[in-house]
Amino acid sequence: MQQEITVPDGRLGTGDHESTGIESAADGAALLDELRSAIAKYAVLPSEEALIAVTLWVAATHIQPALQHAPRLAVVGPTKGCGKSRVLDVLHETVHQPIMTVNMSTAVLFRVIGKNPRTLLVDEADAIFSKAGDNEELRGLLNAGHQRNRPAWRISGPERKPTPYPTFAMAALAAIGDLPDTITDRAVVLRMQKRKPGEKVTPFRSRYAVPELNTLRDKLAAWLTPLQATAARLVPRMPVEDRAADTWEPLVIVADMAGGHWPTSARAACVAMTRNEVVQGEQTTLKTRLLRDIRRVFAERDNPEALRTHDLVHELTVDAEAPWAEYGTKGLNAYHLANLLRDFNISPANYRFEEGRQAKAYMRNRFLDAWARYCPDPTQQVTTPTHEVTPAPPAKGQSPAVPRGTLPVGPPGGIAGPKRAR
């Protein structure tokens, strides 16, 4: 029996409901609710937005052939014991055709990815990327696989012919510490923390957990597989732009097909977690940290037109919370400062101060463009209208409204501080 399904943007798809057991989009929403509860049962995630994101990511693995982008899921934590491997255990029993590994070569990886790609689950990914320059080929493959039609070419066969191998596949990577920027830039990032004493989870025992989670996996496949053609046609409205929109679009597509609260919840999670990564990136990037600290020094001195190089270096190095006193071998100096700022087209110049003495100095107006580009005020990063506690239901044939109001900027427990340069 074929029945039309109305998805949130008004387009129509078809599904075989006698075989799927999913009678309406409302059942899709209920199934996602059930999956979210199951994930929360076995793992403590850093925020409600993170739980929503993981739920949608799992569901999106079941429509991979319909997607244009394959978002990575980066499960990172500052130390061991933060629940990263437990998240992978849950994913392994719920995603589409998982393949778990802790040490897979590039040659094997692009041979296990096909037209209906498996879902890659990589534990201990920090060991793979532990040294600069290590596994650049694997990192390139993971980066290329974020977007469809980016094959890896190899010489193969007895005739030594150039052969393209597909790279497109969704992947989850768990690691202690951050993954390479090129991977996290293409990922939904879960910044895991150790459980507090009062936070309890159900022990993950295979004899009980695996059948429960496998049942959910089968329900997801039954619901979403017949809707792949519908998913391929959807172009959802996104609350973010550029690569963030590419990464989150598959999750929002699933949410829109499910309906209920999921379209609004997905977009709220998208904005909150994307904003959190902007702030996180600012804090962990050394040159961006320098720009922010220089802006602070100017502000503390009532934003003068210029600051002597000597004074600026001194103010930076006396900040006990900043990495500049330990930069290099003896701390930041004028040469280091000029070298770090060169990429921003900022350099010192002779400046005559009010007392008539001339000295090398940095003019404040030379920083304005770099501040605006690389470290804008986080409160101005995302503009959202006033919150509506109970959003009005969408009109028939329209997508649910983009979430409104002030959204959380990060997970409970705060944002990790900057790495100190040594």
Protein backbone atom coordinates (compact mmCIF):
# COMPACT_ATOMS: atom_id res chain seq x y z
CA MET A 1 0.00 0.00 0.00
CA GLN A 2 1.51 3.32 -1.08
CA GLN A 3 0.58 6.40 0.92
CA GLU A 4 1.66 10.00 0.46
CA ILE A 5 3.73 11.57 3.21
CA THR A 6 3.71 15.34 3.59
CA VAL A 7 7.10 16.60 4.73
CA PRO A 8 7.55 20.02 6.37
CA ASP A 9 8.44 21.95 3.22
CA GLY A 10 5.26 20.80 1.50
CA ARG A 11 6.87 18.30 -0.87
CA LEU A 12 5.51 14.80 -1.09
CA GLY A 13 7.21 11.45 -0.79
CA THR A 14 5.90 7.92 -0.69
CA GLY A 15 6.49 5.10 1.72
CA ASP A 16 5.38 1.51 2.00
CA HIS A 17 3.75 1.71 5.40
CA GLU A 18 2.65 -1.89 5.63
CA SER A 19 6.30 -2.91 5.52
CA THR A 20 7.73 -0.03 7.56
CA GLY A 21 5.24 0.13 10.41
CA ILE A 22 5.51 3.94 10.30
CA GLU A 23 2.03 5.35 9.76
CA SER A 24 2.79 9.09 9.75
CA ALA A 25 5.44 11.72 10.34
CA ALA A 26 4.29 11.78 13.96
CA ASP A 27 5.53 8.21 14.30
CA GLY A 28 8.90 9.40 13.04
CA ALA A 29 8.97 12.03 15.78
CA ALA A 30 8.03 9.42 18.37
CA LEU A 31 10.79 7.12 17.11
CA LEU A 32 13.38 9.89 17.44
CA ASP A 33 12.12 10.57 20.96
CA GLU A 34 12.58 6.88 21.75
CA LEU A 35 16.10 6.91 20.31
CA ARG A 36 17.02 10.04 22.27
CA SER A 37 15.87 8.39 25.50
CA ALA A 38 17.89 5.26 24.73
CA ILE A 39 21.07 7.26 24.08
CA ALA A 40 20.59 9.24 27.30
CA LYS A 41 20.07 5.96 29.16
CA TYR A 42 23.62 4.80 28.48
CA ALA A 43 25.64 8.02 28.06
CA VAL A 44 25.76 11.45 29.72
CA LEU A 45 26.17 14.00 26.94
CA PRO A 46 27.38 17.56 27.59
CA SER A 47 24.05 19.26 26.87
CA GLU A 48 20.49 18.70 25.66
CA GLU A 49 21.54 20.15 22.30
CA ALA A 50 24.29 17.53 22.05
CA LEU A 51 21.78 14.76 22.78
CA ILE A 52 19.50 16.05 20.03
CA ALA A 53 22.44 16.25 17.62
CA VAL A 54 23.57 12.67 18.27
CA THR A 55 20.02 11.37 17.87
CA LEU A 56 19.66 13.06 14.49
CA TRP A 57 23.16 12.04 13.40
CA VAL A 58 22.35 8.38 14.06
CA ALA A 59 19.13 8.67 12.06
CA ALA A 60 20.90 10.46 9.20
CA THR A 61 23.25 7.49 8.70
CA HIS A 62 20.22 5.58 7.38
CA ILE A 63 19.74 8.02 4.46
CA GLN A 64 23.38 8.42 3.41
CA PRO A 65 22.74 7.64 -0.29
CA ALA A 66 20.38 10.66 -0.39
CA LEU A 67 22.82 13.15 1.17
CA GLN A 68 25.23 15.62 -0.40
CA HIS A 69 27.34 15.93 2.76
CA ALA A 70 28.36 13.32 5.33
CA PRO A 71 28.87 15.10 8.66
CA ARG A 72 31.53 13.82 10.99
CA LEU A 73 30.75 13.33 14.66
CA ALA A 74 33.76 14.31 16.79
CA VAL A 75 33.49 12.85 20.29
CA VAL A 76 36.31 14.50 22.23
CA GLY A 77 37.19 14.90 25.90
CA PRO A 78 40.09 16.29 27.94
CA THR A 79 40.95 12.97 29.64
CA LYS A 80 40.07 9.31 29.59
CA GLY A 81 36.89 8.24 31.37
CA CYS A 82 34.66 10.91 29.81
CA GLY A 83 32.33 8.43 28.10
CA LYS A 84 33.67 8.70 24.55
CA SER A 85 33.92 4.97 23.95
CA ARG A 86 30.49 4.41 25.48
CA VAL A 87 29.01 6.80 22.91
CA LEU A 88 30.65 4.73 20.16
CA ASP A 89 29.21 1.56 21.70
CA VAL A 90 25.71 3.03 21.43
CA LEU A 91 26.36 4.26 17.91
CA HIS A 92 27.62 0.85 16.84
CA GLU A 93 24.23 -0.71 17.64
CA THR A 94 22.06 2.02 16.08
CA VAL A 95 23.74 3.43 12.95
CA HIS A 96 23.59 2.06 9.41
CA GLN A 97 26.08 -0.78 8.80
CA PRO A 98 28.77 0.26 11.30
CA ILE A 99 32.43 -0.61 10.95
CA MET A 100 34.40 -0.09 14.17
CA THR A 101 38.15 0.38 14.16
CA VAL A 102 40.99 1.75 16.25
CA ASN A 103 43.68 1.53 13.59
CA MET A 104 42.49 1.34 9.99
CA SER A 105 44.83 2.04 7.10
CA THR A 106 43.84 4.38 4.31
CA ALA A 107 44.02 1.53 1.80
CA VAL A 108 41.47 -0.49 3.75
CA LEU A 109 39.26 2.50 4.44
CA PHE A 110 38.53 3.53 0.87
CA ARG A 111 37.95 -0.10 -0.08
CA VAL A 112 35.16 -0.60 2.50
CA ILE A 113 33.27 2.50 1.37
CA GLY A 114 30.80 1.83 -1.42
CA LYS A 115 27.77 3.38 -3.12
CA ASN A 116 25.72 2.54 -0.04
CA PRO A 117 28.46 3.51 2.42
CA ARG A 118 29.00 1.98 5.80
CA THR A 119 29.23 4.19 8.87
CA LEU A 120 32.81 4.56 10.12
CA LEU A 121 33.40 4.51 13.89
CA VAL A 122 36.97 5.30 14.88
CA ASP A 123 37.99 4.98 18.54
CA GLU A 124 41.27 6.35 19.93
CA ALA A 125 41.58 8.70 16.97
CA ASP A 126 44.04 10.81 18.98
CA ALA A 127 46.59 8.01 18.49
CA ILE A 128 46.12 8.25 14.72
CA PHE A 129 46.83 12.00 14.63
CA SER A 130 49.25 12.13 17.57
CA LYS A 131 52.12 13.78 15.69
CA ALA A 132 52.19 16.60 13.18
CA GLY A 133 52.40 15.18 9.70
CA ASP A 134 51.22 11.71 10.70
CA ASN A 135 48.48 10.10 8.63
CA GLU A 136 48.03 13.05 6.30
CA GLU A 137 46.65 10.67 3.69
CA LEU A 138 44.00 9.39 6.11
CA ARG A 139 43.12 12.90 7.18
CA GLY A 140 42.76 13.93 3.53
CA LEU A 141 40.45 10.99 2.88
CA LEU A 142 38.29 11.83 5.90
CA ASN A 143 38.11 15.44 4.78
CA ALA A 144 37.23 14.53 1.19
CA GLY A 145 34.54 12.10 2.37
CA HIS A 146 32.55 14.96 3.90
CA GLN A 147 31.26 15.84 0.42
CA ARG A 148 29.88 13.62 -2.31
CA ASN A 149 31.86 13.07 -5.54
CA ARG A 150 35.34 13.47 -4.03
CA PRO A 151 36.89 10.09 -4.94
CA ALA A 152 40.37 8.87 -4.08
CA TRP A 153 42.29 7.79 -7.19
CA ARG A 154 44.66 4.82 -7.07
CA ILE A 155 46.53 2.69 -9.58
CA SER A 156 45.07 -0.81 -9.31
CA GLY A 157 44.60 -4.10 -11.12
CA PRO A 158 46.98 -6.04 -13.33
CA GLU A 159 46.70 -3.39 -16.03
CA ARG A 160 47.68 -0.64 -13.55
CA LYS A 161 44.76 1.58 -14.47
CA PRO A 162 43.83 4.74 -12.54
CA THR A 163 40.76 3.78 -10.50
CA PRO A 164 38.47 6.06 -8.48
CA TYR A 165 37.42 4.88 -5.03
CA PRO A 166 34.50 6.59 -3.26
CA THR A 167 35.27 8.40 -0.01
CA PHE A 168 31.78 9.59 0.90
CA ALA A 169 30.65 8.14 4.26
CA MET A 170 29.54 9.38 7.64
CA ALA A 171 32.15 8.91 10.35
CA ALA A 172 32.35 9.27 14.12
CA LEU A 173 35.76 9.74 15.72
CA ALA A 174 36.48 9.57 19.46
CA ALA A 175 39.65 11.13 20.86
CA ILE A 176 41.32 12.54 23.94
CA GLY A 177 41.98 16.18 23.15
CA ASP A 178 41.05 17.92 19.94
CA LEU A 179 41.12 16.35 16.51
CA PRO A 180 42.76 18.22 13.60
CA ASP A 181 40.98 21.46 12.76
CA THR A 182 40.21 20.27 9.23
CA ILE A 183 38.17 17.40 10.70
CA THR A 184 36.39 19.30 13.48
CA ASP A 185 35.48 21.97 10.94
CA ARG A 186 33.42 19.29 9.17
CA ALA A 187 31.99 17.78 12.34
CA VAL A 188 29.28 18.04 14.91
CA VAL A 189 31.50 18.24 17.99
CA LEU A 190 30.61 16.63 21.33
CA ARG A 191 32.89 17.95 24.08
CA MET A 192 32.49 15.23 26.68
CA GLN A 193 33.15 15.66 30.40
CA LYS A 194 33.51 13.18 33.25
CA ARG A 195 30.25 12.37 34.99
CA LYS A 196 29.56 14.20 38.23
CA PRO A 197 28.80 12.07 41.31
CA GLY A 198 25.06 12.56 40.92
CA GLU A 199 24.95 11.70 37.22
CA LYS A 200 23.93 8.08 36.71
CA VAL A 201 23.65 5.93 33.60
CA THR A 202 22.46 2.41 33.01
CA PRO A 203 25.40 0.00 32.74
CA PHE A 204 25.96 -1.06 29.13
CA ARG A 205 25.57 -4.84 29.15
CA SER A 206 25.57 -6.42 25.72
CA ARG A 207 22.97 -9.09 26.48
CA TYR A 208 20.41 -6.39 27.36
CA ALA A 209 21.54 -3.22 25.58
CA VAL A 210 22.35 -4.64 22.16
CA PRO A 211 18.90 -6.16 21.41
CA GLU A 212 17.18 -2.96 22.59
CA LEU A 213 19.36 -0.70 20.46
CA ASN A 214 19.26 -3.03 17.45
CA THR A 215 15.46 -2.88 17.54
CA LEU A 216 15.66 0.91 17.33
CA ARG A 217 18.16 0.61 14.47
CA ASP A 218 15.77 -1.62 12.54
CA LYS A 219 12.89 0.79 13.13
CA LEU A 220 15.00 3.69 11.86
CA ALA A 221 15.91 1.76 8.72
CA ALA A 222 12.28 0.80 8.14
CA TRP A 223 11.15 4.42 8.49
CA LEU A 224 13.93 6.21 6.61
CA THR A 225 15.01 3.87 3.82
CA PRO A 226 11.75 4.32 1.84
CA LEU A 227 12.10 8.11 2.29
CA GLN A 228 15.55 8.45 0.74
CA ALA A 229 14.14 9.88 -2.50
CA THR A 230 12.16 12.42 -0.47
CA ALA A 231 15.22 13.31 1.59
CA ALA A 232 17.27 13.86 -1.56
CA ARG A 233 14.79 16.52 -2.75
CA LEU A 234 14.59 18.44 0.50
CA VAL A 235 16.42 21.76 0.78
CA PRO A 236 15.73 22.84 4.37
CA ARG A 237 16.06 26.38 5.64
CA MET A 238 19.23 26.55 7.73
CA PRO A 239 19.98 28.94 10.60
CA VAL A 240 23.73 28.87 9.82
CA GLU A 241 25.80 29.29 6.68
CA ASP A 242 28.72 27.85 4.72
CA ARG A 243 30.34 24.65 5.98
CA ALA A 244 28.30 24.62 9.19
CA ALA A 245 25.15 24.49 7.03
CA ASP A 246 26.61 21.65 4.96
CA THR A 247 27.41 19.67 8.10
CA TRP A 248 24.07 20.18 9.83
CA GLU A 249 21.80 19.89 6.78
CA PRO A 250 21.43 16.06 6.95
CA LEU A 251 20.39 16.31 10.60
CA VAL A 252 17.83 19.02 9.85
CA ILE A 253 16.46 17.00 6.92
CA VAL A 254 15.74 14.09 9.28
CA ALA A 255 14.16 16.46 11.79
CA ASP A 256 11.93 18.02 9.13
CA MET A 257 10.75 14.62 7.95
CA ALA A 258 9.97 13.59 11.53
CA GLY A 259 8.01 16.74 12.39
CA GLY A 260 6.69 17.42 15.88
CA HIS A 261 9.16 19.40 17.98
CA TRP A 262 12.15 18.06 16.04
CA PRO A 263 12.46 20.76 13.32
CA THR A 264 12.64 23.49 15.97
CA SER A 265 14.84 21.46 18.32
CA ALA A 266 17.28 20.59 15.53
CA ARG A 267 17.75 24.20 14.46
CA ALA A 268 18.16 25.35 18.06
CA ALA A 269 20.84 22.70 18.61
CA CYS A 270 22.53 23.68 15.34
CA VAL A 271 22.81 27.34 16.35
CA ALA A 272 23.92 26.63 19.92
CA MET A 273 26.57 24.04 19.05
CA THR A 274 27.91 25.99 16.08
CA ARG A 275 28.25 29.08 18.26
CA ASN A 276 30.03 27.02 20.91
CA GLU A 277 32.59 25.87 18.36
CA VAL A 278 33.20 29.45 17.23
CA VAL A 279 34.03 30.40 20.82
CA GLN A 280 36.08 27.23 21.32
CA GLY A 281 38.05 27.91 18.14
CA GLU A 282 38.84 31.42 19.30
CA GLN A 283 40.19 30.15 22.59
CA THR A 284 42.38 27.41 21.18
CA THR A 285 43.89 29.21 18.20
CA LEU A 286 47.06 30.95 19.32
CA LYS A 287 47.00 33.82 16.83
CA THR A 288 43.34 34.50 17.47
CA ARG A 289 44.07 34.42 21.21
CA LEU A 290 46.76 37.04 20.62
CA LEU A 291 44.31 39.30 18.80
CA ARG A 292 41.80 39.02 21.64
CA ASP A 293 44.45 39.73 24.27
CA ILE A 294 45.71 42.78 22.38
CA ARG A 295 42.15 44.07 22.16
CA ARG A 296 41.86 43.62 25.93
CA VAL A 297 45.09 45.56 26.53
CA PHE A 298 43.89 48.46 24.37
CA ALA A 299 40.52 48.45 26.17
CA GLU A 300 42.15 48.49 29.62
CA ARG A 301 44.05 51.62 28.56
CA ASP A 302 40.90 53.34 27.26
CA ASN A 303 41.68 52.48 23.62
CA PRO A 304 44.55 54.85 22.85
CA GLU A 305 45.49 55.55 19.26
CA ALA A 306 48.73 53.60 19.68
CA LEU A 307 50.67 51.51 22.20
CA ARG A 308 54.45 51.24 22.43
CA THR A 309 55.68 47.81 21.38
CA HIS A 310 57.53 47.48 24.69
CA ASP A 311 54.40 48.29 26.69
CA LEU A 312 52.20 45.95 24.66
CA VAL A 313 54.63 43.04 25.08
CA HIS A 314 54.86 43.73 28.81
CA GLU A 315 51.07 43.77 29.30
CA LEU A 316 50.72 40.51 27.38
CA THR A 317 53.42 38.65 29.31
CA VAL A 318 52.30 39.71 32.81
CA ASP A 319 48.88 38.11 32.32
CA ALA A 320 49.16 34.93 34.39
CA GLU A 321 46.20 33.34 32.55
CA ALA A 322 47.71 33.86 29.09
CA PRO A 323 50.38 31.73 27.38
CA TRP A 324 52.68 34.63 26.45
CA ALA A 325 55.09 34.47 29.42
CA GLU A 326 56.00 30.93 28.34
CA TYR A 327 56.05 31.58 24.60
CA GLY A 328 59.31 30.52 22.98
CA THR A 329 62.26 30.00 25.29
CA LYS A 330 62.12 33.23 27.33
CA GLY A 331 58.62 34.49 26.73
CA LEU A 332 57.05 36.67 24.06
CA ASN A 333 59.24 39.47 22.72
CA ALA A 334 58.91 42.19 20.07
CA TYR A 335 60.20 39.91 17.31
CA HIS A 336 57.72 37.15 18.19
CA LEU A 337 54.88 39.66 18.31
CA ALA A 338 55.66 41.05 14.86
CA ASN A 339 56.01 37.55 13.43
CA LEU A 340 52.65 36.38 14.84
CA LEU A 341 50.84 39.45 13.52
CA ARG A 342 52.41 39.40 10.06
CA ASP A 343 49.70 37.14 8.59
CA PHE A 344 47.10 39.76 9.56
CA ASN A 345 49.06 42.48 7.74
CA ILE A 346 49.74 44.23 11.06
CA SER A 347 53.19 45.64 11.77
CA PRO A 348 54.69 48.25 14.13
CA ALA A 349 55.62 51.74 12.96
CA ASN A 350 57.27 54.83 14.35
CA TYR A 351 54.81 56.90 16.35
CA ARG A 352 55.28 60.25 18.14
CA PHE A 353 53.53 60.23 21.50
CA GLU A 354 52.15 63.25 23.33
CA GLU A 355 55.32 63.85 25.33
CA GLY A 356 57.13 64.27 22.03
CA ARG A 357 59.13 61.07 22.16
CA GLN A 358 59.07 58.77 19.16
CA ALA A 359 58.97 54.97 19.56
CA LYS A 360 58.02 51.81 17.73
CA ALA A 361 54.33 51.24 18.34
CA TYR A 362 51.22 49.42 17.19
CA MET A 363 48.34 51.58 15.97
CA ARG A 364 44.91 50.49 17.16
CA ASN A 365 43.23 51.13 13.79
CA ARG A 366 45.49 48.52 12.18
CA PHE A 367 43.79 45.84 14.30
CA LEU A 368 40.18 46.73 13.56
CA ASP A 369 39.83 44.60 10.43
CA ALA A 370 41.49 41.55 12.02
CA TRP A 371 39.35 41.85 15.16
CA ALA A 372 36.19 41.99 13.08
CA ARG A 373 37.21 38.99 10.95
CA TYR A 374 38.83 36.62 13.43
CA CYS A 375 37.49 37.41 16.90
CA PRO A 376 34.22 39.36 16.74
CA ASP A 377 32.20 39.75 19.89
CA PRO A 378 30.54 36.31 20.40
CA THR A 379 27.30 38.00 21.45
CA GLN A 380 27.08 39.45 17.95
CA GLN A 381 27.97 36.22 16.13
CA VAL A 382 24.40 34.96 15.72
CA THR A 383 21.39 37.25 15.59
CA THR A 384 18.10 35.69 16.62
CA PRO A 385 14.71 37.28 17.23
CA THR A 386 12.86 37.30 20.53
CA HIS A 387 11.99 33.88 21.96
CA GLU A 388 8.49 32.53 21.67
CA VAL A 389 7.77 30.06 24.46
CA THR A 390 5.08 28.26 22.49
CA PRO A 391 5.74 28.66 18.76
CA ALA A 392 2.69 28.72 16.54
CA PRO A 393 2.27 25.57 14.44
CA PRO A 394 3.40 25.98 10.83
CA ALA A 395 0.80 26.53 8.15
CA LYS A 396 0.05 23.56 5.95
CA GLY A 397 2.74 23.13 3.33
CA GLN A 398 5.31 25.29 5.18
CA SER A 399 8.46 24.40 7.10
CA PRO A 400 8.52 24.95 10.87
CA ALA A 401 9.92 28.30 11.92
CA VAL A 402 13.62 28.66 12.70
CA PRO A 403 14.07 28.71 16.50
CA ARG A 404 13.91 32.12 18.08
CA GLY A 405 15.48 33.72 21.10
CA THR A 406 18.72 33.54 23.05
CA LEU A 407 20.23 30.07 22.85
CA PRO A 408 22.85 28.47 25.09
CA VAL A 409 26.42 29.00 23.93
CA GLY A 410 27.98 25.84 25.22
CA PRO A 411 27.75 22.64 27.19
CA PRO A 412 27.35 22.47 30.97
CA GLY A 413 30.68 22.76 32.74
CA GLY A 414 31.93 25.63 30.60
CA ILE A 415 34.26 25.84 27.64
CA ALA A 416 37.79 24.48 27.66
CA GLY A 417 40.46 27.13 28.10
CA PRO A 418 43.28 27.90 25.69
CA LYS A 419 46.21 25.61 25.25
CA ARG A 420 49.43 27.07 26.57
CA ALA A 421 52.23 27.41 24.04
CA ARG A 422 55.51 25.87 25.12
